[in-house]
């Protein structure tokens, strides 16, 4: 088992870093969604869905 870990520690590190990045990105999206924030950037003048996206805030 230790030989396998020693041979694959770089792969394990990369997978752990990618998993951490995905976790923190998802956590940020969920936190923003619960706070009522939008992920669109709020440049509604150029958006085809401008009347639908933020209608509850008006």
N, C-alpha and C. Protein backbone atom coordinates (compact mmCIF):
# COMPACT_ATOMS: atom_id res chain seq x y z
N UNK A 1 0.82 -1.19 0.00
CA UNK A 1 0.00 0.00 0.00
C UNK A 1 0.87 1.26 0.00
N UNK A 2 1.92 1.26 0.79
CA UNK A 2 2.79 2.42 0.85
C UNK A 2 3.52 2.60 -0.48
N UNK A 3 3.88 1.51 -1.12
CA UNK A 3 4.53 1.61 -2.43
C UNK A 3 3.60 2.24 -3.46
N UNK A 4 2.33 1.87 -3.41
CA UNK A 4 1.35 2.44 -4.34
C UNK A 4 1.18 3.93 -4.09
N UNK A 5 1.10 4.33 -2.83
CA UNK A 5 0.97 5.75 -2.49
C UNK A 5 2.21 6.53 -2.93
N UNK A 6 3.38 5.96 -2.73
CA UNK A 6 4.62 6.63 -3.13
C UNK A 6 4.69 6.78 -4.65
N UNK A 7 4.17 5.82 -5.38
CA UNK A 7 4.22 5.87 -6.84
C UNK A 7 3.17 6.81 -7.42
N UNK A 8 2.09 7.07 -6.68
CA UNK A 8 0.97 7.85 -7.22
C UNK A 8 0.66 9.11 -6.43
N UNK A 9 1.58 9.62 -5.66
CA UNK A 9 1.30 10.78 -4.81
C UNK A 9 0.98 12.03 -5.64
N UNK A 10 1.58 12.17 -6.79
CA UNK A 10 1.30 13.34 -7.63
C UNK A 10 -0.13 13.30 -8.14
N UNK A 11 -0.58 12.14 -8.60
CA UNK A 11 -1.95 12.00 -9.08
C UNK A 11 -2.95 12.25 -7.96
N UNK A 12 -2.65 11.74 -6.78
CA UNK A 12 -3.53 11.94 -5.63
C UNK A 12 -3.61 13.42 -5.28
N UNK A 13 -2.49 14.12 -5.32
CA UNK A 13 -2.47 15.55 -5.03
C UNK A 13 -3.28 16.34 -6.04
N UNK A 14 -3.12 16.05 -7.31
CA UNK A 14 -3.86 16.76 -8.35
C UNK A 14 -5.36 16.51 -8.22
N UNK A 15 -5.75 15.28 -7.98
CA UNK A 15 -7.17 14.95 -7.82
C UNK A 15 -7.74 15.65 -6.60
N UNK A 16 -6.97 15.71 -5.52
CA UNK A 16 -7.44 16.40 -4.32
C UNK A 16 -7.61 17.90 -4.56
N UNK A 17 -6.69 18.50 -5.30
CA UNK A 17 -6.80 19.93 -5.61
C UNK A 17 -8.01 20.23 -6.51
N UNK A 18 -8.24 19.40 -7.50
CA UNK A 18 -9.40 19.57 -8.38
C UNK A 18 -10.70 19.38 -7.61
N UNK A 19 -10.74 18.38 -6.74
CA UNK A 19 -11.93 18.15 -5.92
C UNK A 19 -12.19 19.32 -4.99
N UNK A 20 -11.13 19.89 -4.41
CA UNK A 20 -11.29 21.05 -3.53
C UNK A 20 -11.81 22.26 -4.30
N UNK A 21 -11.30 22.47 -5.52
CA UNK A 21 -11.77 23.60 -6.33
C UNK A 21 -13.24 23.44 -6.68
N UNK A 22 -13.66 22.24 -7.04
CA UNK A 22 -15.07 21.98 -7.35
C UNK A 22 -15.93 22.19 -6.12
N UNK A 23 -15.47 21.71 -4.96
CA UNK A 23 -16.22 21.87 -3.72
C UNK A 23 -16.42 23.34 -3.39
N UNK A 24 -15.35 24.14 -3.45
CA UNK A 24 -15.47 25.55 -3.08
C UNK A 24 -16.29 26.34 -4.10
N UNK A 25 -16.22 25.98 -5.38
CA UNK A 25 -17.05 26.64 -6.39
C UNK A 25 -18.53 26.34 -6.17
N UNK A 26 -18.84 25.08 -5.88
CA UNK A 26 -20.23 24.70 -5.62
C UNK A 26 -20.74 25.36 -4.35
N UNK A 27 -19.90 25.42 -3.32
CA UNK A 27 -20.30 26.06 -2.07
C UNK A 27 -20.58 27.54 -2.28
N UNK A 28 -19.77 28.19 -3.10
CA UNK A 28 -19.98 29.61 -3.39
C UNK A 28 -21.29 29.83 -4.16
N UNK A 29 -21.56 28.97 -5.13
CA UNK A 29 -22.80 29.10 -5.90
C UNK A 29 -24.03 28.88 -5.01
N UNK A 30 -23.97 27.90 -4.14
CA UNK A 30 -25.09 27.62 -3.24
C UNK A 30 -25.29 28.77 -2.26
N UNK A 31 -24.20 29.29 -1.72
CA UNK A 31 -24.27 30.41 -0.78
C UNK A 31 -24.87 31.66 -1.46
N UNK A 32 -24.43 31.95 -2.69
CA UNK A 32 -24.98 33.10 -3.42
C UNK A 32 -26.45 32.90 -3.75
N UNK A 33 -26.83 31.68 -4.10
CA UNK A 33 -28.23 31.39 -4.43
C UNK A 33 -29.12 31.61 -3.21
N UNK A 34 -28.66 31.16 -2.04
CA UNK A 34 -29.44 31.34 -0.81
C UNK A 34 -29.54 32.82 -0.42
N UNK A 35 -28.51 33.59 -0.77
CA UNK A 35 -28.50 35.02 -0.44
C UNK A 35 -29.28 35.84 -1.47
N UNK A 36 -29.76 35.20 -2.52
CA UNK A 36 -30.54 35.89 -3.55
C UNK A 36 -29.71 36.60 -4.58
N UNK A 37 -28.43 36.33 -4.62
CA UNK A 37 -27.55 36.96 -5.61
C UNK A 37 -27.67 36.23 -6.94
N UNK A 38 -27.39 36.96 -7.99
CA UNK A 38 -27.45 36.40 -9.33
C UNK A 38 -26.05 36.14 -9.84
N UNK A 39 -25.87 35.13 -10.64
CA UNK A 39 -24.56 34.83 -11.21
C UNK A 39 -24.39 35.39 -12.61
N UNK A 40 -25.37 36.15 -13.08
CA UNK A 40 -25.33 36.60 -14.47
C UNK A 40 -24.48 37.85 -14.66
N UNK A 41 -24.10 38.55 -13.64
CA UNK A 41 -23.31 39.76 -13.76
C UNK A 41 -24.17 41.01 -13.79
N UNK A 42 -25.46 40.85 -13.90
CA UNK A 42 -26.45 41.94 -13.84
C UNK A 42 -26.26 43.00 -14.91
N UNK A 43 -25.82 42.63 -16.08
CA UNK A 43 -25.77 43.55 -17.21
C UNK A 43 -27.01 43.30 -18.05
N UNK A 44 -28.14 43.64 -17.50
CA UNK A 44 -29.42 43.26 -18.08
C UNK A 44 -29.77 44.01 -19.35
N UNK A 45 -29.10 45.11 -19.63
CA UNK A 45 -29.44 45.85 -20.83
C UNK A 45 -29.12 45.07 -22.11
N UNK A 46 -28.21 44.13 -22.04
CA UNK A 46 -27.84 43.33 -23.20
C UNK A 46 -28.39 41.91 -23.15
N UNK A 47 -29.25 41.63 -22.20
CA UNK A 47 -29.75 40.27 -22.00
C UNK A 47 -31.16 40.12 -22.58
N UNK A 48 -31.39 39.03 -23.27
CA UNK A 48 -32.71 38.78 -23.84
C UNK A 48 -33.73 38.43 -22.76
N UNK A 49 -33.30 37.98 -21.61
CA UNK A 49 -34.20 37.58 -20.52
C UNK A 49 -34.24 38.64 -19.40
N UNK A 50 -33.94 39.88 -19.71
CA UNK A 50 -33.83 40.92 -18.68
C UNK A 50 -35.12 41.08 -17.88
N UNK A 51 -36.27 40.96 -18.49
CA UNK A 51 -37.52 41.13 -17.78
C UNK A 51 -37.90 39.94 -16.92
N UNK A 52 -37.33 38.79 -17.17
CA UNK A 52 -37.67 37.58 -16.45
C UNK A 52 -36.73 37.29 -15.28
N UNK A 53 -35.48 37.60 -15.45
CA UNK A 53 -34.45 37.21 -14.52
C UNK A 53 -34.59 37.89 -13.15
N UNK A 54 -34.79 39.19 -13.15
CA UNK A 54 -34.80 39.95 -11.90
C UNK A 54 -36.17 40.56 -11.61
N UNK A 55 -37.21 39.94 -12.07
CA UNK A 55 -38.55 40.52 -11.91
C UNK A 55 -38.99 40.55 -10.45
N UNK A 56 -38.51 39.64 -9.61
CA UNK A 56 -38.94 39.61 -8.22
C UNK A 56 -38.31 40.76 -7.41
N UNK A 57 -37.27 41.40 -7.92
CA UNK A 57 -36.60 42.49 -7.19
C UNK A 57 -37.22 43.83 -7.48
N UNK A 58 -38.08 43.93 -8.47
CA UNK A 58 -38.66 45.23 -8.85
C UNK A 58 -39.84 45.58 -8.02
